[in-house]
Protein backbone atom coordinates (compact mmCIF):
# COMPACT_ATOMS: atom_id res chain seq x y z
CA MET A 1 -146.03 -73.92 24.40
CA LEU A 2 -148.25 -74.63 27.39
CA SER A 3 -150.91 -72.07 28.19
CA PRO A 4 -150.61 -70.33 31.59
CA ILE A 5 -154.01 -71.74 32.61
CA LEU A 6 -152.94 -75.30 31.78
CA ILE A 7 -149.66 -74.85 33.68
CA LEU A 8 -151.50 -73.57 36.76
CA SER A 9 -154.05 -76.38 36.50
CA MET A 10 -151.29 -78.97 36.23
CA LEU A 11 -149.44 -77.51 39.22
CA ALA A 12 -152.64 -77.53 41.27
CA ALA A 13 -153.39 -81.08 40.18
CA THR A 14 -149.90 -82.20 41.17
CA PHE A 15 -150.72 -81.29 44.75
CA MET A 16 -154.17 -82.90 44.50
CA GLY A 17 -153.33 -86.25 42.94
CA GLY A 18 -151.40 -85.78 39.71
CA ALA A 19 -151.44 -83.93 36.42
CA ASN A 20 -153.25 -86.80 34.73
CA ALA A 21 -156.43 -85.62 36.48
CA VAL A 22 -156.20 -82.38 34.52
CA LEU A 23 -155.40 -84.13 31.27
CA SER A 24 -158.19 -86.66 31.70
CA ASN A 25 -160.67 -83.80 31.82
CA ALA A 26 -159.35 -82.04 28.70
CA THR A 27 -162.11 -81.22 26.26
CA ASN A 28 -160.26 -79.35 23.55
CA ALA A 29 -158.69 -81.52 20.87
CA THR A 30 -156.85 -78.50 19.48
CA ASN A 31 -154.68 -78.63 22.60
CA ALA A 32 -153.61 -82.16 21.64
CA THR A 33 -149.88 -81.53 21.90
CA ASN A 34 -150.18 -80.70 25.60
CA ALA A 35 -152.21 -83.85 26.36
CA THR A 36 -149.76 -86.01 24.43
CA ASN A 37 -146.95 -84.94 26.76
CA ALA A 38 -148.63 -86.48 29.83
CA THR A 39 -146.45 -88.83 31.83
CA LEU A 40 -147.13 -92.56 31.54
CA PRO A 41 -145.73 -95.16 33.95
CA MET A 42 -142.07 -96.01 33.23
CA ASP A 43 -142.86 -99.35 31.55
CA VAL A 44 -145.53 -97.93 29.21
CA PRO A 45 -144.30 -96.71 25.79
CA ASN A 46 -145.64 -93.32 24.78
CA PRO A 47 -148.09 -93.40 21.89
CA THR A 48 -146.50 -92.27 18.65
CA LYS A 49 -149.78 -90.65 17.62
CA ILE A 50 -153.30 -90.11 18.94
CA ASP A 51 -156.13 -89.49 16.48
CA CYS A 52 -159.64 -88.33 17.36
CA HIS A 53 -162.80 -88.78 15.24
CA ILE A 54 -162.14 -92.32 13.93
CA PRO A 55 -164.26 -93.23 10.88
CA GLY A 56 -166.52 -96.22 11.49
CA TYR A 57 -166.70 -95.72 15.26
CA LEU A 58 -169.38 -94.02 17.37
CA TYR A 59 -168.74 -91.71 20.30
CA SER A 60 -169.04 -93.18 23.80
CA GLY A 61 -169.86 -91.62 27.14
CA VAL A 62 -166.86 -90.71 29.28
CA ASN A 63 -168.32 -92.25 32.45
CA ALA A 64 -168.75 -95.63 30.75
CA ILE A 65 -165.20 -95.45 29.34
CA ASN A 66 -163.93 -94.67 32.85
CA GLU A 67 -165.56 -97.91 34.02
CA GLY A 68 -163.87 -99.77 31.16
CA ILE A 69 -160.49 -98.29 32.06
CA ASP A 70 -160.99 -99.31 35.70
CA HIS A 71 -161.95 -102.82 34.56
CA LEU A 72 -158.82 -103.19 32.41
CA ASN A 73 -156.65 -101.88 35.26
CA SER A 74 -158.12 -104.52 37.58
CA LEU A 75 -156.97 -107.38 35.34
CA LYS A 76 -153.64 -109.11 35.98
CA GLY A 77 -151.24 -110.17 33.27
CA ASN A 78 -151.40 -109.42 29.55
CA ALA A 79 -153.89 -109.21 26.74
CA THR A 80 -152.91 -111.17 23.64
CA LEU A 81 -153.47 -109.06 20.57
CA GLY A 82 -153.87 -111.50 17.71
CA HIS A 83 -152.86 -110.85 14.13
CA GLN A 84 -154.07 -111.29 10.57
CA ASP A 85 -152.44 -110.99 7.17
CA GLY A 86 -152.20 -107.35 6.20
CA GLY A 87 -152.69 -106.09 9.77
CA GLY A 88 -155.82 -104.52 11.17
CA TRP A 89 -156.70 -107.23 13.73
CA CYS A 90 -158.92 -105.77 16.51
CA TRP A 91 -160.72 -107.20 19.53
CA ARG A 92 -163.05 -105.44 21.94
CA TYR A 93 -161.71 -106.01 25.46
CA SER A 94 -164.21 -103.87 27.33
CA CYS A 95 -167.75 -102.89 26.43
CA SER A 96 -170.70 -101.56 28.38
CA TYR A 97 -173.30 -98.85 27.85
CA ARG A 98 -172.26 -98.45 24.17
CA ALA A 99 -168.66 -97.74 25.19
CA GLY A 100 -165.92 -99.99 23.85
CA ILE A 101 -162.17 -100.27 24.32
CA TYR A 102 -160.42 -102.23 21.58
CA GLY A 103 -156.90 -103.57 21.30
CA CYS A 104 -155.71 -103.72 17.70
CA ASN A 105 -152.59 -105.15 16.08
CA ASP A 106 -151.04 -104.28 12.72
CA ALA A 107 -147.98 -106.51 13.28
CA GLN A 108 -147.69 -109.88 11.56
CA LYS A 109 -147.43 -111.77 14.86
CA ASP A 110 -149.36 -111.89 18.12
CA VAL A 111 -148.36 -109.26 20.69
CA GLU A 112 -148.63 -109.46 24.49
CA VAL A 113 -149.66 -106.12 26.03
CA PRO A 114 -150.25 -105.61 29.77
CA TRP A 115 -153.87 -104.83 30.62
CA SER A 116 -152.66 -101.75 32.48
CA THR A 117 -150.98 -100.51 29.29
CA LEU A 118 -154.21 -100.83 27.32
CA ALA A 119 -155.91 -98.89 30.13
CA SER A 120 -153.17 -96.22 30.05
CA TYR A 121 -153.59 -95.74 26.30
CA ALA A 122 -157.37 -95.46 26.75
CA SER A 123 -156.72 -92.81 29.41
CA ARG A 124 -154.46 -90.92 27.02
CA ILE A 125 -157.21 -90.99 24.39
CA LYS A 126 -159.65 -89.71 26.99
CA GLY A 127 -157.27 -86.86 27.80
CA GLN A 128 -157.03 -85.76 24.20
CA CYS A 129 -160.28 -86.81 22.53
CA THR A 130 -163.08 -85.87 24.95
CA PHE A 131 -165.73 -83.53 23.60
CA ASP A 132 -169.00 -81.94 24.68
CA GLY A 133 -171.83 -84.04 23.25
CA SER A 134 -175.56 -83.37 23.28
CA THR A 135 -175.99 -85.61 26.36
CA GLY A 136 -172.68 -84.86 28.12
CA LYS A 137 -169.00 -85.58 27.63
CA VAL A 138 -168.19 -88.08 24.88
CA ILE A 139 -165.00 -89.71 23.71
CA GLN A 140 -163.64 -91.37 20.61
CA GLY A 141 -160.09 -91.88 19.42
CA GLN A 142 -157.15 -94.14 18.63
CA ALA A 143 -153.65 -94.24 20.18
CA PHE A 144 -150.78 -95.94 18.32
CA SER A 145 -147.83 -97.65 20.01
CA PRO A 146 -144.33 -97.65 18.55
CA ASP A 147 -144.57 -101.47 18.41
CA GLY A 148 -147.35 -101.73 15.80
CA TRP A 149 -150.40 -102.15 18.05
CA ASN A 150 -153.01 -99.56 19.00
CA VAL A 151 -156.02 -98.89 21.21
CA VAL A 152 -159.37 -97.59 19.97
CA VAL A 153 -161.94 -96.00 22.28
CA GLY A 154 -165.51 -95.75 20.98
CA LEU A 155 -168.02 -98.26 19.64
CA LYS A 156 -167.62 -99.78 16.20
CA ALA A 157 -170.60 -98.76 14.08
CA GLY A 158 -173.14 -101.56 13.71
CA THR A 159 -172.24 -103.19 17.03
CA THR A 160 -173.77 -102.93 20.46
CA CYS A 161 -173.05 -103.74 24.08
């Protein structure tokens, strides 16, 4: 059930540019069900699951992830998510200021995913997996598609950008 405050915020946001603005600023992962119900564009499949706190990944600043989302949205066409035996293929498609956005594929064949869809999944992660860090808002999470691919937001431990 949606809280009255969230309903009022979403109604207000609808008149000021869309409910996604409210969801993108969510900071409480316990309210994950509400964020998962956000509307995606018609051609974007809803994630089957969104997990926060991914082992092996560091938290990233929200502002840097916003820049990465904008970058992915500016690209035309599709990203090719490769594959490997046993699944688990991942590639970092955006990275700056210790903030990465990865496209991953568990299928046994390459998958074409529109750049805007990767960006939409990253936005969904931001809406559900944003937390107060010691230096500001931070984000880390993973959103799974029904087609066997997923998006990870954060920076893989031991890497830099």
